[in-house]
Amino acid sequence: MLSMEPMNAVEEVDTLAGTAVAQAGAPLLKIHERVEQEGYMFPIDLGARGSCTIGGNISTRVQTQLIQ
């Protein structure tokens, strides 16, 4: 088993390119909070946003619709 828990940083938010670089173990909530600081929003929003990781979302091909 490989734990991604220590790899939980959002390394960069590039406002010019509109991109964010995050490590595989970064919780979805942490990514939401970080990009919001720059005036952006992250389009994936799940009920498990505080515990699911971006690496897990990518590996399982998570898809959602953001409803506001």
N, C-alpha and C. Protein backbone atom coordinates (compact mmCIF):
# COMPACT_ATOMS: atom_id res chain seq x y z
N MET A 1 0.84 -1.17 0.00
CA MET A 1 0.00 0.00 0.00
C MET A 1 0.89 1.24 0.00
N LEU A 2 0.48 2.21 -0.74
CA LEU A 2 1.21 3.47 -0.84
C LEU A 2 0.32 4.58 -0.32
N SER A 3 0.79 5.29 0.69
CA SER A 3 0.01 6.40 1.25
C SER A 3 0.43 7.71 0.62
N MET A 4 -0.54 8.46 0.15
CA MET A 4 -0.31 9.78 -0.42
C MET A 4 -0.52 10.88 0.62
N GLU A 5 -0.82 10.49 1.86
CA GLU A 5 -1.14 11.46 2.91
C GLU A 5 -0.08 12.54 3.09
N PRO A 6 1.24 12.21 3.04
CA PRO A 6 2.23 13.28 3.20
C PRO A 6 2.32 14.22 1.99
N MET A 7 1.80 13.79 0.86
CA MET A 7 1.87 14.61 -0.36
C MET A 7 0.58 15.41 -0.49
N ASN A 8 0.38 16.41 0.40
CA ASN A 8 -0.92 17.07 0.46
C ASN A 8 -0.89 18.57 0.19
N ALA A 9 0.12 19.03 -0.50
CA ALA A 9 0.26 20.47 -0.72
C ALA A 9 -0.33 20.92 -2.05
N VAL A 10 -0.86 22.13 -2.04
CA VAL A 10 -1.19 22.83 -3.28
C VAL A 10 0.04 23.69 -3.53
N GLU A 11 0.83 23.29 -4.51
CA GLU A 11 2.14 23.92 -4.72
C GLU A 11 2.07 25.29 -5.37
N GLU A 12 1.15 25.46 -6.29
CA GLU A 12 1.15 26.71 -7.05
C GLU A 12 -0.23 26.97 -7.64
N VAL A 13 -0.61 28.21 -7.68
CA VAL A 13 -1.78 28.66 -8.44
C VAL A 13 -1.28 29.75 -9.38
N ASP A 14 -1.34 29.47 -10.67
CA ASP A 14 -0.87 30.41 -11.69
C ASP A 14 -2.08 31.17 -12.21
N THR A 15 -2.23 32.40 -11.78
CA THR A 15 -3.40 33.19 -12.16
C THR A 15 -3.38 33.61 -13.63
N LEU A 16 -2.21 33.72 -14.21
CA LEU A 16 -2.14 34.08 -15.63
C LEU A 16 -2.59 32.94 -16.52
N ALA A 17 -2.16 31.72 -16.18
CA ALA A 17 -2.52 30.55 -16.98
C ALA A 17 -3.85 29.94 -16.54
N GLY A 18 -4.31 30.29 -15.33
CA GLY A 18 -5.55 29.71 -14.82
C GLY A 18 -5.39 28.26 -14.44
N THR A 19 -4.20 27.90 -13.90
CA THR A 19 -3.92 26.52 -13.51
C THR A 19 -3.48 26.44 -12.06
N ALA A 20 -3.61 25.24 -11.51
CA ALA A 20 -3.12 24.97 -10.16
C ALA A 20 -2.33 23.67 -10.19
N VAL A 21 -1.27 23.61 -9.40
CA VAL A 21 -0.46 22.40 -9.27
C VAL A 21 -0.62 21.91 -7.85
N ALA A 22 -1.10 20.68 -7.71
CA ALA A 22 -1.31 20.10 -6.38
C ALA A 22 -0.71 18.70 -6.34
N GLN A 23 -0.26 18.31 -5.16
CA GLN A 23 0.25 16.95 -4.97
C GLN A 23 -0.92 15.98 -4.89
N ALA A 24 -0.66 14.71 -5.16
CA ALA A 24 -1.71 13.70 -5.27
C ALA A 24 -2.56 13.55 -4.01
N GLY A 25 -1.99 13.76 -2.84
CA GLY A 25 -2.72 13.59 -1.60
C GLY A 25 -3.43 14.84 -1.11
N ALA A 26 -3.44 15.90 -1.91
CA ALA A 26 -4.10 17.14 -1.49
C ALA A 26 -5.61 16.94 -1.43
N PRO A 27 -6.23 17.24 -0.28
CA PRO A 27 -7.70 17.12 -0.20
C PRO A 27 -8.37 18.12 -1.13
N LEU A 28 -9.48 17.72 -1.68
CA LEU A 28 -10.23 18.59 -2.59
C LEU A 28 -10.58 19.92 -1.93
N LEU A 29 -10.94 19.88 -0.66
CA LEU A 29 -11.28 21.11 0.07
C LEU A 29 -10.10 22.08 0.11
N LYS A 30 -8.90 21.57 0.29
CA LYS A 30 -7.70 22.41 0.34
C LYS A 30 -7.48 23.11 -1.00
N ILE A 31 -7.75 22.41 -2.08
CA ILE A 31 -7.61 23.00 -3.42
C ILE A 31 -8.67 24.08 -3.61
N HIS A 32 -9.91 23.80 -3.20
CA HIS A 32 -10.97 24.81 -3.29
C HIS A 32 -10.57 26.08 -2.54
N GLU A 33 -10.13 25.93 -1.31
CA GLU A 33 -9.77 27.09 -0.50
C GLU A 33 -8.61 27.87 -1.10
N ARG A 34 -7.62 27.17 -1.64
CA ARG A 34 -6.43 27.84 -2.18
C ARG A 34 -6.76 28.62 -3.45
N VAL A 35 -7.52 28.03 -4.38
CA VAL A 35 -7.82 28.76 -5.61
C VAL A 35 -8.79 29.91 -5.36
N GLU A 36 -9.66 29.77 -4.36
CA GLU A 36 -10.57 30.86 -4.01
C GLU A 36 -9.82 32.08 -3.51
N GLN A 37 -8.67 31.88 -2.87
CA GLN A 37 -7.84 33.00 -2.42
C GLN A 37 -7.38 33.85 -3.59
N GLU A 38 -7.30 33.24 -4.78
CA GLU A 38 -6.84 33.95 -5.98
C GLU A 38 -8.02 34.41 -6.84
N GLY A 39 -9.25 34.23 -6.35
CA GLY A 39 -10.41 34.67 -7.09
C GLY A 39 -10.92 33.67 -8.11
N TYR A 40 -10.48 32.43 -8.01
CA TYR A 40 -10.92 31.38 -8.92
C TYR A 40 -11.81 30.39 -8.20
N MET A 41 -12.41 29.47 -8.95
CA MET A 41 -13.16 28.37 -8.36
C MET A 41 -12.69 27.07 -9.01
N PHE A 42 -12.74 25.98 -8.26
CA PHE A 42 -12.39 24.67 -8.78
C PHE A 42 -13.70 23.97 -9.14
N PRO A 43 -13.86 23.47 -10.36
CA PRO A 43 -15.17 23.03 -10.83
C PRO A 43 -15.68 21.71 -10.26
N ILE A 44 -14.86 20.92 -9.60
CA ILE A 44 -15.32 19.66 -9.02
C ILE A 44 -15.68 19.90 -7.56
N ASP A 45 -16.90 19.53 -7.18
CA ASP A 45 -17.35 19.71 -5.81
C ASP A 45 -18.12 18.47 -5.38
N LEU A 46 -17.63 17.78 -4.37
CA LEU A 46 -18.24 16.55 -3.89
C LEU A 46 -18.57 16.69 -2.41
N GLY A 47 -19.50 15.89 -1.94
CA GLY A 47 -19.83 15.89 -0.52
C GLY A 47 -18.65 15.47 0.34
N ALA A 48 -17.74 14.67 -0.23
CA ALA A 48 -16.57 14.19 0.50
C ALA A 48 -15.36 15.09 0.30
N ARG A 49 -15.59 16.36 -0.05
CA ARG A 49 -14.48 17.26 -0.39
C ARG A 49 -13.44 17.42 0.71
N GLY A 50 -13.82 17.19 1.95
CA GLY A 50 -12.87 17.33 3.05
C GLY A 50 -11.98 16.11 3.23
N SER A 51 -12.37 14.98 2.66
CA SER A 51 -11.58 13.76 2.85
C SER A 51 -11.06 13.15 1.56
N CYS A 52 -11.71 13.42 0.42
CA CYS A 52 -11.22 12.84 -0.83
C CYS A 52 -10.01 13.64 -1.32
N THR A 53 -9.14 12.98 -2.06
CA THR A 53 -7.92 13.63 -2.56
C THR A 53 -8.00 13.83 -4.06
N ILE A 54 -7.24 14.78 -4.56
CA ILE A 54 -7.23 15.06 -5.99
C ILE A 54 -6.67 13.87 -6.76
N GLY A 55 -5.69 13.17 -6.19
CA GLY A 55 -5.15 11.98 -6.85
C GLY A 55 -6.19 10.89 -6.97
N GLY A 56 -6.99 10.71 -5.92
CA GLY A 56 -8.06 9.73 -5.96
C GLY A 56 -9.14 10.11 -6.95
N ASN A 57 -9.45 11.41 -7.01
CA ASN A 57 -10.44 11.89 -7.98
C ASN A 57 -9.99 11.61 -9.40
N ILE A 58 -8.73 11.87 -9.67
CA ILE A 58 -8.19 11.65 -11.02
C ILE A 58 -8.15 10.16 -11.35
N SER A 59 -7.69 9.35 -10.40
CA SER A 59 -7.54 7.92 -10.67
C SER A 59 -8.88 7.22 -10.88
N THR A 60 -9.95 7.76 -10.31
CA THR A 60 -11.27 7.14 -10.48
C THR A 60 -12.14 7.89 -11.49
N ARG A 61 -11.57 8.88 -12.14
CA ARG A 61 -12.24 9.67 -13.17
C ARG A 61 -13.53 10.30 -12.66
N VAL A 62 -13.42 10.94 -11.51
CA VAL A 62 -14.59 11.58 -10.90
C VAL A 62 -15.12 12.66 -11.82
N GLN A 63 -16.43 12.66 -11.96
CA GLN A 63 -17.11 13.68 -12.75
C GLN A 63 -18.27 14.20 -11.94
N THR A 64 -18.51 15.45 -12.00
CA THR A 64 -19.61 16.04 -11.27
C THR A 64 -20.05 17.31 -11.98
N GLN A 65 -21.21 17.77 -11.64
CA GLN A 65 -21.68 19.05 -12.12
C GLN A 65 -21.74 19.98 -10.92
N LEU A 66 -21.19 21.13 -11.06
CA LEU A 66 -21.25 22.12 -9.98
C LEU A 66 -22.58 22.86 -10.09
N ILE A 67 -23.35 22.75 -9.04
CA ILE A 67 -24.66 23.40 -9.01
C ILE A 67 -24.61 24.50 -7.97
N GLN A 68 -24.90 25.71 -8.36
CA GLN A 68 -24.89 26.84 -7.42
C GLN A 68 -26.24 27.45 -7.30
